[in-house]
Full PDB file with SEQRES, HELIX, SHEET, SSBOND, CRYST1, ORIGX, SCALE, CONECT and MASTER records, all heavy atoms in Angstrom:
SEQRES   1 A   39  GLU GLY THR ASN THR PRO PRO PHE SER PHE ASN TYR HIS          
SEQRES   2 A   39  GLY VAL ALA SER SER GLY SER ASN LEU PHE SER SER TRP          
SEQRES   3 A   39  SER VAL VAL ARG SER ASP THR VAL LEU ASP LYS ASN ARG          
HELIX    1 AA1 LEU A   22  SER A   25  5                                   4    
SHEET    1 AA1 2 ASN A  11  TYR A  12  0                                        
SHEET    2 AA1 2 VAL A  15  ALA A  16 -1                                        
CRYST1    1.000    1.000    1.000  90.00  90.00  90.00 P 1           1          
ORIGX1      1.000000  0.000000  0.000000        0.00000                         
ORIGX2      0.000000  1.000000  0.000000        0.00000                         
ORIGX3      0.000000  0.000000  1.000000        0.00000                         
SCALE1      1.000000  0.000000  0.000000        0.00000                         
SCALE2      0.000000  1.000000  0.000000        0.00000                         
SCALE3      0.000000  0.000000  1.000000        0.00000                         
ATOM      1  N   GLU A   1       3.960  21.104  -0.996  1.00  0.00           N  
ATOM      2  CA  GLU A   1       4.739  22.326  -1.179  1.00  0.00           C  
ATOM      3  C   GLU A   1       3.993  23.392  -1.961  1.00  0.00           C  
ATOM      4  O   GLU A   1       4.583  24.363  -2.412  1.00  0.00           O  
ATOM      5  CB  GLU A   1       6.074  22.013  -1.868  1.00  0.00           C  
ATOM      6  CG  GLU A   1       7.018  21.241  -0.988  1.00  0.00           C  
ATOM      7  CD  GLU A   1       8.364  20.982  -1.640  1.00  0.00           C  
ATOM      8  OE1 GLU A   1       8.518  21.236  -2.848  1.00  0.00           O  
ATOM      9  OE2 GLU A   1       9.252  20.518  -0.926  1.00  0.00           O  
ATOM     10  N   GLY A   2       2.693  23.233  -2.137  1.00  0.00           N  
ATOM     11  CA  GLY A   2       1.932  24.232  -2.870  1.00  0.00           C  
ATOM     12  C   GLY A   2       2.226  24.244  -4.357  1.00  0.00           C  
ATOM     13  O   GLY A   2       2.090  25.246  -5.026  1.00  0.00           O  
ATOM     14  N   THR A   3       2.629  23.101  -4.863  1.00  0.00           N  
ATOM     15  CA  THR A   3       2.983  23.014  -6.270  1.00  0.00           C  
ATOM     16  C   THR A   3       1.780  23.312  -7.152  1.00  0.00           C  
ATOM     17  O   THR A   3       0.645  23.025  -6.797  1.00  0.00           O  
ATOM     18  CB  THR A   3       3.547  21.618  -6.606  1.00  0.00           C  
ATOM     19  OG1 THR A   3       3.909  21.617  -7.983  1.00  0.00           O  
ATOM     20  CG2 THR A   3       2.539  20.510  -6.381  1.00  0.00           C  
ATOM     21  N   ASN A   4       2.035  23.910  -8.278  1.00  0.00           N  
ATOM     22  CA  ASN A   4       0.983  24.129  -9.258  1.00  0.00           C  
ATOM     23  C   ASN A   4       1.140  23.147 -10.415  1.00  0.00           C  
ATOM     24  O   ASN A   4       0.566  23.325 -11.464  1.00  0.00           O  
ATOM     25  CB  ASN A   4       1.025  25.574  -9.770  1.00  0.00           C  
ATOM     26  CG  ASN A   4      -0.361  26.171  -9.836  1.00  0.00           C  
ATOM     27  OD1 ASN A   4      -1.259  25.768  -9.115  1.00  0.00           O  
ATOM     28  ND2 ASN A   4      -0.548  27.131 -10.709  1.00  0.00           N  
ATOM     29  N   THR A   5       1.960  22.105 -10.209  1.00  0.00           N  
ATOM     30  CA  THR A   5       2.153  21.058 -11.199  1.00  0.00           C  
ATOM     31  C   THR A   5       1.750  19.731 -10.565  1.00  0.00           C  
ATOM     32  O   THR A   5       2.547  19.086  -9.896  1.00  0.00           O  
ATOM     33  CB  THR A   5       3.625  20.997 -11.650  1.00  0.00           C  
ATOM     34  OG1 THR A   5       4.020  22.293 -12.083  1.00  0.00           O  
ATOM     35  CG2 THR A   5       3.797  20.008 -12.779  1.00  0.00           C  
ATOM     36  N   PRO A   6       0.516  19.317 -10.749  1.00  0.00           N  
ATOM     37  CA  PRO A   6       0.046  18.096 -10.100  1.00  0.00           C  
ATOM     38  C   PRO A   6       0.624  16.826 -10.717  1.00  0.00           C  
ATOM     39  O   PRO A   6       1.087  16.849 -11.861  1.00  0.00           O  
ATOM     40  CB  PRO A   6      -1.470  18.149 -10.309  1.00  0.00           C  
ATOM     41  CG  PRO A   6      -1.651  18.991 -11.517  1.00  0.00           C  
ATOM     42  CD  PRO A   6      -0.508  19.975 -11.537  1.00  0.00           C  
ATOM     43  N   PRO A   7       0.594  15.712  -9.974  1.00  0.00           N  
ATOM     44  CA  PRO A   7       1.134  14.441 -10.478  1.00  0.00           C  
ATOM     45  C   PRO A   7       0.118  13.660 -11.320  1.00  0.00           C  
ATOM     46  O   PRO A   7       0.047  12.455 -11.267  1.00  0.00           O  
ATOM     47  CB  PRO A   7       1.492  13.695  -9.200  1.00  0.00           C  
ATOM     48  CG  PRO A   7       0.463  14.158  -8.232  1.00  0.00           C  
ATOM     49  CD  PRO A   7       0.233  15.614  -8.566  1.00  0.00           C  
ATOM     50  N   PHE A   8      -0.686  14.362 -12.086  1.00  0.00           N  
ATOM     51  CA  PHE A   8      -1.625  13.745 -13.026  1.00  0.00           C  
ATOM     52  C   PHE A   8      -1.688  14.664 -14.234  1.00  0.00           C  
ATOM     53  O   PHE A   8      -1.201  15.800 -14.191  1.00  0.00           O  
ATOM     54  CB  PHE A   8      -3.021  13.553 -12.409  1.00  0.00           C  
ATOM     55  CG  PHE A   8      -3.640  14.813 -11.885  1.00  0.00           C  
ATOM     56  CD1 PHE A   8      -4.342  15.671 -12.712  1.00  0.00           C  
ATOM     57  CD2 PHE A   8      -3.526  15.151 -10.545  1.00  0.00           C  
ATOM     58  CE1 PHE A   8      -4.902  16.842 -12.232  1.00  0.00           C  
ATOM     59  CE2 PHE A   8      -4.081  16.310 -10.045  1.00  0.00           C  
ATOM     60  CZ  PHE A   8      -4.776  17.162 -10.895  1.00  0.00           C  
ATOM     61  N   SER A   9      -2.260  14.174 -15.315  1.00  0.00           N  
ATOM     62  CA  SER A   9      -2.327  15.013 -16.510  1.00  0.00           C  
ATOM     63  C   SER A   9      -3.611  14.735 -17.278  1.00  0.00           C  
ATOM     64  O   SER A   9      -4.260  13.700 -17.093  1.00  0.00           O  
ATOM     65  CB  SER A   9      -1.108  14.772 -17.402  1.00  0.00           C  
ATOM     66  OG  SER A   9      -1.116  13.437 -17.865  1.00  0.00           O  
ATOM     67  N   PHE A  10      -3.950  15.688 -18.136  1.00  0.00           N  
ATOM     68  CA  PHE A  10      -5.124  15.578 -18.993  1.00  0.00           C  
ATOM     69  C   PHE A  10      -4.966  16.599 -20.119  1.00  0.00           C  
ATOM     70  O   PHE A  10      -4.088  17.458 -20.075  1.00  0.00           O  
ATOM     71  CB  PHE A  10      -6.421  15.824 -18.209  1.00  0.00           C  
ATOM     72  CG  PHE A  10      -6.482  17.178 -17.546  1.00  0.00           C  
ATOM     73  CD1 PHE A  10      -7.076  18.254 -18.180  1.00  0.00           C  
ATOM     74  CD2 PHE A  10      -5.950  17.362 -16.281  1.00  0.00           C  
ATOM     75  CE1 PHE A  10      -7.127  19.500 -17.580  1.00  0.00           C  
ATOM     76  CE2 PHE A  10      -6.002  18.597 -15.659  1.00  0.00           C  
ATOM     77  CZ  PHE A  10      -6.583  19.672 -16.309  1.00  0.00           C  
ATOM     78  N   ASN A  11      -5.812  16.507 -21.129  1.00  0.00           N  
ATOM     79  CA  ASN A  11      -5.837  17.486 -22.217  1.00  0.00           C  
ATOM     80  C   ASN A  11      -7.049  18.384 -22.034  1.00  0.00           C  
ATOM     81  O   ASN A  11      -8.145  17.911 -21.728  1.00  0.00           O  
ATOM     82  CB  ASN A  11      -5.922  16.797 -23.578  1.00  0.00           C  
ATOM     83  CG  ASN A  11      -4.621  16.164 -23.969  1.00  0.00           C  
ATOM     84  OD1 ASN A  11      -3.554  16.632 -23.593  1.00  0.00           O  
ATOM     85  ND2 ASN A  11      -4.687  15.085 -24.726  1.00  0.00           N  
ATOM     86  N   TYR A  12      -6.836  19.684 -22.213  1.00  0.00           N  
ATOM     87  CA  TYR A  12      -7.901  20.671 -22.064  1.00  0.00           C  
ATOM     88  C   TYR A  12      -7.822  21.644 -23.230  1.00  0.00           C  
ATOM     89  O   TYR A  12      -6.814  22.337 -23.384  1.00  0.00           O  
ATOM     90  CB  TYR A  12      -7.752  21.383 -20.723  1.00  0.00           C  
ATOM     91  CG  TYR A  12      -8.802  22.421 -20.435  1.00  0.00           C  
ATOM     92  CD1 TYR A  12     -10.139  22.054 -20.354  1.00  0.00           C  
ATOM     93  CD2 TYR A  12      -8.467  23.743 -20.238  1.00  0.00           C  
ATOM     94  CE1 TYR A  12     -11.109  22.991 -20.083  1.00  0.00           C  
ATOM     95  CE2 TYR A  12      -9.428  24.690 -19.963  1.00  0.00           C  
ATOM     96  CZ  TYR A  12     -10.744  24.311 -19.889  1.00  0.00           C  
ATOM     97  OH  TYR A  12     -11.718  25.237 -19.622  1.00  0.00           O  
ATOM     98  N   HIS A  13      -8.842  21.658 -24.067  1.00  0.00           N  
ATOM     99  CA  HIS A  13      -8.848  22.474 -25.280  1.00  0.00           C  
ATOM    100  C   HIS A  13      -7.608  22.195 -26.132  1.00  0.00           C  
ATOM    101  O   HIS A  13      -6.985  23.111 -26.672  1.00  0.00           O  
ATOM    102  CB  HIS A  13      -8.926  23.961 -24.950  1.00  0.00           C  
ATOM    103  CG  HIS A  13     -10.232  24.406 -24.390  1.00  0.00           C  
ATOM    104  ND1 HIS A  13     -11.426  24.271 -25.058  1.00  0.00           N  
ATOM    105  CD2 HIS A  13     -10.526  25.002 -23.210  1.00  0.00           C  
ATOM    106  CE1 HIS A  13     -12.406  24.750 -24.327  1.00  0.00           C  
ATOM    107  NE2 HIS A  13     -11.890  25.188 -23.183  1.00  0.00           N  
ATOM    108  N   GLY A  14      -7.225  20.925 -26.205  1.00  0.00           N  
ATOM    109  CA  GLY A  14      -6.098  20.526 -27.028  1.00  0.00           C  
ATOM    110  C   GLY A  14      -4.729  20.788 -26.422  1.00  0.00           C  
ATOM    111  O   GLY A  14      -3.725  20.586 -27.074  1.00  0.00           O  
ATOM    112  N   VAL A  15      -4.684  21.247 -25.169  1.00  0.00           N  
ATOM    113  CA  VAL A  15      -3.414  21.524 -24.502  1.00  0.00           C  
ATOM    114  C   VAL A  15      -3.211  20.500 -23.396  1.00  0.00           C  
ATOM    115  O   VAL A  15      -4.096  20.299 -22.553  1.00  0.00           O  
ATOM    116  CB  VAL A  15      -3.410  22.953 -23.897  1.00  0.00           C  
ATOM    117  CG1 VAL A  15      -2.114  23.206 -23.143  1.00  0.00           C  
ATOM    118  CG2 VAL A  15      -3.615  23.986 -24.988  1.00  0.00           C  
ATOM    119  N   ALA A  16      -2.063  19.844 -23.407  1.00  0.00           N  
ATOM    120  CA  ALA A  16      -1.743  18.876 -22.350  1.00  0.00           C  
ATOM    121  C   ALA A  16      -1.419  19.626 -21.065  1.00  0.00           C  
ATOM    122  O   ALA A  16      -0.701  20.627 -21.087  1.00  0.00           O  
ATOM    123  CB  ALA A  16      -0.565  18.013 -22.764  1.00  0.00           C  
ATOM    124  N   SER A  17      -1.947  19.142 -19.951  1.00  0.00           N  
ATOM    125  CA  SER A  17      -1.671  19.804 -18.675  1.00  0.00           C  
ATOM    126  C   SER A  17      -0.241  19.582 -18.215  1.00  0.00           C  
ATOM    127  O   SER A  17       0.330  20.433 -17.533  1.00  0.00           O  
ATOM    128  CB  SER A  17      -2.643  19.316 -17.593  1.00  0.00           C  
ATOM    129  OG  SER A  17      -2.459  17.943 -17.341  1.00  0.00           O  
ATOM    130  N   SER A  18       0.355  18.469 -18.590  1.00  0.00           N  
ATOM    131  CA  SER A  18       1.754  18.219 -18.216  1.00  0.00           C  
ATOM    132  C   SER A  18       2.669  18.812 -19.278  1.00  0.00           C  
ATOM    133  O   SER A  18       2.367  18.789 -20.462  1.00  0.00           O  
ATOM    134  CB  SER A  18       2.013  16.726 -18.072  1.00  0.00           C  
ATOM    135  OG  SER A  18       1.801  16.084 -19.311  1.00  0.00           O  
ATOM    136  N   GLY A  19       3.773  19.373 -18.831  1.00  0.00           N  
ATOM    137  CA  GLY A  19       4.738  19.930 -19.750  1.00  0.00           C  
ATOM    138  C   GLY A  19       4.329  21.262 -20.362  1.00  0.00           C  
ATOM    139  O   GLY A  19       4.957  21.746 -21.286  1.00  0.00           O  
ATOM    140  N   SER A  20       3.259  21.852 -19.859  1.00  0.00           N  
ATOM    141  CA  SER A  20       2.822  23.154 -20.369  1.00  0.00           C  
ATOM    142  C   SER A  20       2.591  24.096 -19.187  1.00  0.00           C  
ATOM    143  O   SER A  20       2.746  23.716 -18.029  1.00  0.00           O  
ATOM    144  CB  SER A  20       1.529  23.002 -21.174  1.00  0.00           C  
ATOM    145  OG  SER A  20       0.442  22.702 -20.313  1.00  0.00           O  
ATOM    146  N   ASN A  21       2.191  25.288 -19.482  1.00  0.00           N  
ATOM    147  CA  ASN A  21       1.886  26.264 -18.437  1.00  0.00           C  
ATOM    148  C   ASN A  21       0.390  26.341 -18.159  1.00  0.00           C  
ATOM    149  O   ASN A  21      -0.098  27.375 -17.715  1.00  0.00           O  
ATOM    150  CB  ASN A  21       2.412  27.651 -18.844  1.00  0.00           C  
ATOM    151  CG  ASN A  21       3.917  27.694 -18.879  1.00  0.00           C  
ATOM    152  OD1 ASN A  21       4.576  27.012 -18.099  1.00  0.00           O  
ATOM    153  ND2 ASN A  21       4.466  28.476 -19.781  1.00  0.00           N  
ATOM    154  N   LEU A  22      -0.323  25.269 -18.442  1.00  0.00           N  
ATOM    155  CA  LEU A  22      -1.778  25.288 -18.300  1.00  0.00           C  
ATOM    156  C   LEU A  22      -2.215  25.741 -16.915  1.00  0.00           C  
ATOM    157  O   LEU A  22      -3.093  26.582 -16.783  1.00  0.00           O  
ATOM    158  CB  LEU A  22      -2.350  23.895 -18.599  1.00  0.00           C  
ATOM    159  CG  LEU A  22      -3.870  23.782 -18.531  1.00  0.00           C  
ATOM    160  CD1 LEU A  22      -4.509  24.578 -19.659  1.00  0.00           C  
ATOM    161  CD2 LEU A  22      -4.302  22.336 -18.618  1.00  0.00           C  
ATOM    162  N   PHE A  23      -1.596  25.225 -15.864  1.00  0.00           N  
ATOM    163  CA  PHE A  23      -2.020  25.548 -14.507  1.00  0.00           C  
ATOM    164  C   PHE A  23      -1.427  26.860 -13.980  1.00  0.00           C  
ATOM    165  O   PHE A  23      -1.804  27.308 -12.907  1.00  0.00           O  
ATOM    166  CB  PHE A  23      -1.628  24.423 -13.535  1.00  0.00           C  
ATOM    167  CG  PHE A  23      -2.561  23.243 -13.592  1.00  0.00           C  
ATOM    168  CD1 PHE A  23      -2.153  22.063 -14.186  1.00  0.00           C  
ATOM    169  CD2 PHE A  23      -3.822  23.314 -13.049  1.00  0.00           C  
ATOM    170  CE1 PHE A  23      -2.990  20.968 -14.232  1.00  0.00           C  
ATOM    171  CE2 PHE A  23      -4.675  22.225 -13.092  1.00  0.00           C  
ATOM    172  CZ  PHE A  23      -4.270  21.049 -13.683  1.00  0.00           C  
ATOM    173  N   SER A  24      -0.508  27.482 -14.714  1.00  0.00           N  
ATOM    174  CA  SER A  24       0.182  28.659 -14.178  1.00  0.00           C  
ATOM    175  C   SER A  24      -0.752  29.827 -13.899  1.00  0.00           C  
ATOM    176  O   SER A  24      -0.507  30.615 -12.989  1.00  0.00           O  
ATOM    177  CB  SER A  24       1.306  29.096 -15.119  1.00  0.00           C  
ATOM    178  OG  SER A  24       0.761  29.503 -16.357  1.00  0.00           O  
ATOM    179  N   SER A  25      -1.843  29.958 -14.633  1.00  0.00           N  
ATOM    180  CA  SER A  25      -2.773  31.066 -14.404  1.00  0.00           C  
ATOM    181  C   SER A  25      -3.978  30.653 -13.562  1.00  0.00           C  
ATOM    182  O   SER A  25      -4.849  31.475 -13.292  1.00  0.00           O  
ATOM    183  CB  SER A  25      -3.245  31.631 -15.744  1.00  0.00           C  
ATOM    184  OG  SER A  25      -3.970  30.647 -16.457  1.00  0.00           O  
ATOM    185  N   TRP A  26      -4.048  29.410 -13.162  1.00  0.00           N  
ATOM    186  CA  TRP A  26      -5.170  28.932 -12.368  1.00  0.00           C  
ATOM    187  C   TRP A  26      -4.890  29.187 -10.886  1.00  0.00           C  
ATOM    188  O   TRP A  26      -3.760  29.095 -10.430  1.00  0.00           O  
ATOM    189  CB  TRP A  26      -5.392  27.449 -12.578  1.00  0.00           C  
ATOM    190  CG  TRP A  26      -5.805  27.043 -13.969  1.00  0.00           C  
ATOM    191  CD1 TRP A  26      -5.515  27.667 -15.144  1.00  0.00           C  
ATOM    192  CD2 TRP A  26      -6.571  25.904 -14.319  1.00  0.00           C  
ATOM    193  NE1 TRP A  26      -6.047  26.984 -16.195  1.00  0.00           N  
ATOM    194  CE2 TRP A  26      -6.713  25.889 -15.716  1.00  0.00           C  
ATOM    195  CE3 TRP A  26      -7.147  24.879 -13.584  1.00  0.00           C  
ATOM    196  CZ2 TRP A  26      -7.415  24.906 -16.386  1.00  0.00           C  
ATOM    197  CZ3 TRP A  26      -7.846  23.886 -14.260  1.00  0.00           C  
ATOM    198  CH2 TRP A  26      -7.982  23.914 -15.644  1.00  0.00           C  
ATOM    199  N   SER A  27      -5.931  29.459 -10.140  1.00  0.00           N  
ATOM    200  CA  SER A  27      -5.749  29.587  -8.689  1.00  0.00           C  
ATOM    201  C   SER A  27      -5.822  28.195  -8.067  1.00  0.00           C  
ATOM    202  O   SER A  27      -6.488  27.302  -8.586  1.00  0.00           O  
ATOM    203  CB  SER A  27      -6.823  30.497  -8.087  1.00  0.00           C  
ATOM    204  OG  SER A  27      -8.101  29.937  -8.266  1.00  0.00           O  
ATOM    205  N   VAL A  28      -5.119  28.013  -6.964  1.00  0.00           N  
ATOM    206  CA  VAL A  28      -5.122  26.727  -6.271  1.00  0.00           C  
ATOM    207  C   VAL A  28      -5.414  26.964  -4.793  1.00  0.00           C  
ATOM    208  O   VAL A  28      -4.900  27.897  -4.189  1.00  0.00           O  
ATOM    209  CB  VAL A  28      -3.796  25.955  -6.472  1.00  0.00           C  
ATOM    210  CG1 VAL A  28      -2.616  26.722  -5.924  1.00  0.00           C  
ATOM    211  CG2 VAL A  28      -3.870  24.566  -5.892  1.00  0.00           C  
ATOM    212  N   VAL A  29      -6.293  26.122  -4.244  1.00  0.00           N  
ATOM    213  CA  VAL A  29      -6.659  26.178  -2.829  1.00  0.00           C  
ATOM    214  C   VAL A  29      -6.386  24.811  -2.233  1.00  0.00           C  
ATOM    215  O   VAL A  29      -6.726  23.782  -2.833  1.00  0.00           O  
ATOM    216  CB  VAL A  29      -8.145  26.556  -2.644  1.00  0.00           C  
ATOM    217  CG1 VAL A  29      -8.546  26.495  -1.189  1.00  0.00           C  
ATOM    218  CG2 VAL A  29      -8.421  27.924  -3.224  1.00  0.00           C  
ATOM    219  N   ARG A  30      -5.799  24.816  -1.057  1.00  0.00           N  
ATOM    220  CA  ARG A  30      -5.448  23.560  -0.389  1.00  0.00           C  
ATOM    221  C   ARG A  30      -6.105  23.506   0.978  1.00  0.00           C  
ATOM    222  O   ARG A  30      -6.157  24.506   1.695  1.00  0.00           O  
ATOM    223  CB  ARG A  30      -3.943  23.467  -0.225  1.00  0.00           C  
ATOM    224  CG  ARG A  30      -3.531  22.181   0.420  1.00  0.00           C  
ATOM    225  CD  ARG A  30      -2.043  22.101   0.557  1.00  0.00           C  
ATOM    226  NE  ARG A  30      -1.810  21.318   1.760  1.00  0.00           N  
ATOM    227  CZ  ARG A  30      -0.723  21.342   2.448  1.00  0.00           C  
ATOM    228  NH1 ARG A  30       0.259  22.109   2.096  1.00  0.00           N  
ATOM    229  NH2 ARG A  30      -0.592  20.602   3.511  1.00  0.00           N  
ATOM    230  N   SER A  31      -6.592  22.320   1.340  1.00  0.00           N  
ATOM    231  CA  SER A  31      -7.107  22.101   2.693  1.00  0.00           C  
ATOM    232  C   SER A  31      -6.643  20.735   3.175  1.00  0.00           C  
ATOM    233  O   SER A  31      -6.430  19.824   2.382  1.00  0.00           O  
ATOM    234  CB  SER A  31      -8.638  22.193   2.726  1.00  0.00           C  
ATOM    235  OG  SER A  31      -9.221  21.153   1.976  1.00  0.00           O  
ATOM    236  N   ASP A  32      -6.457  20.629   4.478  1.00  0.00           N  
ATOM    237  CA  ASP A  32      -6.012  19.389   5.103  1.00  0.00           C  
ATOM    238  C   ASP A  32      -6.996  19.018   6.204  1.00  0.00           C  
ATOM    239  O   ASP A  32      -7.418  19.889   6.964  1.00  0.00           O  
ATOM    240  CB  ASP A  32      -4.611  19.556   5.710  1.00  0.00           C  
ATOM    241  CG  ASP A  32      -3.581  19.968   4.681  1.00  0.00           C  
ATOM    242  OD1 ASP A  32      -3.563  19.361   3.595  1.00  0.00           O  
ATOM    243  OD2 ASP A  32      -2.820  20.901   4.955  1.00  0.00           O  
ATOM    244  N   THR A  33      -7.328  17.738   6.279  1.00  0.00           N  
ATOM    245  CA  THR A  33      -8.256  17.243   7.290  1.00  0.00           C  
ATOM    246  C   THR A  33      -7.686  15.975   7.908  1.00  0.00           C  
ATOM    247  O   THR A  33      -7.345  15.036   7.182  1.00  0.00           O  
ATOM    248  CB  THR A  33      -9.636  16.914   6.661  1.00  0.00           C  
ATOM    249  OG1 THR A  33     -10.115  18.061   5.977  1.00  0.00           O  
ATOM    250  CG2 THR A  33     -10.626  16.479   7.713  1.00  0.00           C  
ATOM    251  N   VAL A  34      -7.590  15.947   9.224  1.00  0.00           N  
ATOM    252  CA  VAL A  34      -7.159  14.732   9.917  1.00  0.00           C  
ATOM    253  C   VAL A  34      -8.364  13.801   9.991  1.00  0.00           C  
ATOM    254  O   VAL A  34      -9.398  14.155  10.582  1.00  0.00           O  
ATOM    255  CB  VAL A  34      -6.620  15.057  11.329  1.00  0.00           C  
ATOM    256  CG1 VAL A  34      -6.280  13.769  12.067  1.00  0.00           C  
ATOM    257  CG2 VAL A  34      -5.410  15.966  11.244  1.00  0.00           C  
ATOM    258  N   LEU A  35      -8.245  12.632   9.371  1.00  0.00           N  
ATOM    259  CA  LEU A  35      -9.345  11.665   9.361  1.00  0.00           C  
ATOM    260  C   LEU A  35      -9.337  10.786  10.600  1.00  0.00           C  
ATOM    261  O   LEU A  35     -10.378  10.456  11.144  1.00  0.00           O  
ATOM    262  CB  LEU A  35      -9.278  10.799   8.102  1.00  0.00           C  
ATOM    263  CG  LEU A  35      -9.361  11.556   6.773  1.00  0.00           C  
ATOM    264  CD1 LEU A  35      -9.173  10.593   5.605  1.00  0.00           C  
ATOM    265  CD2 LEU A  35     -10.684  12.300   6.660  1.00  0.00           C  
ATOM    266  N   ASP A  36      -8.156  10.360  10.998  1.00  0.00           N  
ATOM    267  CA  ASP A  36      -7.963   9.602  12.227  1.00  0.00           C  
ATOM    268  C   ASP A  36      -6.482   9.639  12.567  1.00  0.00           C  
ATOM    269  O   ASP A  36      -5.733  10.380  11.932  1.00  0.00           O  
ATOM    270  CB  ASP A  36      -8.507   8.159  12.117  1.00  0.00           C  
ATOM    271  CG  ASP A  36      -7.904   7.360  10.978  1.00  0.00           C  
ATOM    272  OD1 ASP A  36      -6.680   7.497  10.714  1.00  0.00           O  
ATOM    273  OD2 ASP A  36      -8.627   6.577  10.341  1.00  0.00           O  
ATOM    274  N   LYS A  37      -6.045   8.849  13.537  1.00  0.00           N  
ATOM    275  CA  LYS A  37      -4.652   8.944  13.984  1.00  0.00           C  
ATOM    276  C   LYS A  37      -3.640   8.513  12.922  1.00  0.00           C  
ATOM    277  O   LYS A  37      -2.465   8.834  13.025  1.00  0.00           O  
ATOM    278  CB  LYS A  37      -4.428   8.154  15.276  1.00  0.00           C  
ATOM    279  CG  LYS A  37      -4.502   6.665  15.113  1.00  0.00           C  
ATOM    280  CD  LYS A  37      -4.222   5.959  16.425  1.00  0.00           C  
ATOM    281  CE  LYS A  37      -4.161   4.454  16.192  1.00  0.00           C  
ATOM    282  NZ  LYS A  37      -3.639   3.768  17.356  1.00  0.00           N  
ATOM    283  N   ASN A  38      -4.078   7.806  11.876  1.00  0.00           N  
ATOM    284  CA  ASN A  38      -3.156   7.316  10.854  1.00  0.00           C  
ATOM    285  C   ASN A  38      -3.386   7.891   9.460  1.00  0.00           C  
ATOM    286  O   ASN A  38      -2.651   7.550   8.538  1.00  0.00           O  
ATOM    287  CB  ASN A  38      -3.225   5.792  10.757  1.00  0.00           C  
ATOM    288  CG  ASN A  38      -2.676   5.117  11.999  1.00  0.00           C  
ATOM    289  OD1 ASN A  38      -1.646   5.532  12.522  1.00  0.00           O  
ATOM    290  ND2 ASN A  38      -3.363   4.112  12.481  1.00  0.00           N  
ATOM    291  N   ARG A  39      -4.406   8.746   9.299  1.00  0.00           N  
ATOM    292  CA  ARG A  39      -4.712   9.239   7.954  1.00  0.00           C  
ATOM    293  C   ARG A  39      -4.981  10.743   7.950  1.00  0.00           C  
ATOM    294  O   ARG A  39      -5.679  11.248   8.821  1.00  0.00           O  
ATOM    295  CB  ARG A  39      -5.940   8.537   7.372  1.00  0.00           C  
ATOM    296  CG  ARG A  39      -5.775   7.042   7.199  1.00  0.00           C  
ATOM    297  CD  ARG A  39      -7.026   6.407   6.643  1.00  0.00           C  
ATOM    298  NE  ARG A  39      -8.156   6.717   7.507  1.00  0.00           N  
ATOM    299  CZ  ARG A  39      -9.414   6.826   7.062  1.00  0.00           C  
ATOM    300  NH1 ARG A  39      -9.704   6.656   5.792  1.00  0.00           N  
ATOM    301  NH2 ARG A  39     -10.388   7.103   7.911  1.00  0.00           N  
TER     302      ARG A  39                                                      
MASTER        0    0    0    1    2    0    0    6  301    1    0    3          
END                                                                             
């Protein structure tokens, strides 16, 4: 859904990525690739 809140977290310059607005100013690019008929 183009979420800017990923299902992982980390600390960056003492700020936790989860529960904060860390990613709100970051740009996000998405790409999709069909690997085979099931993936």
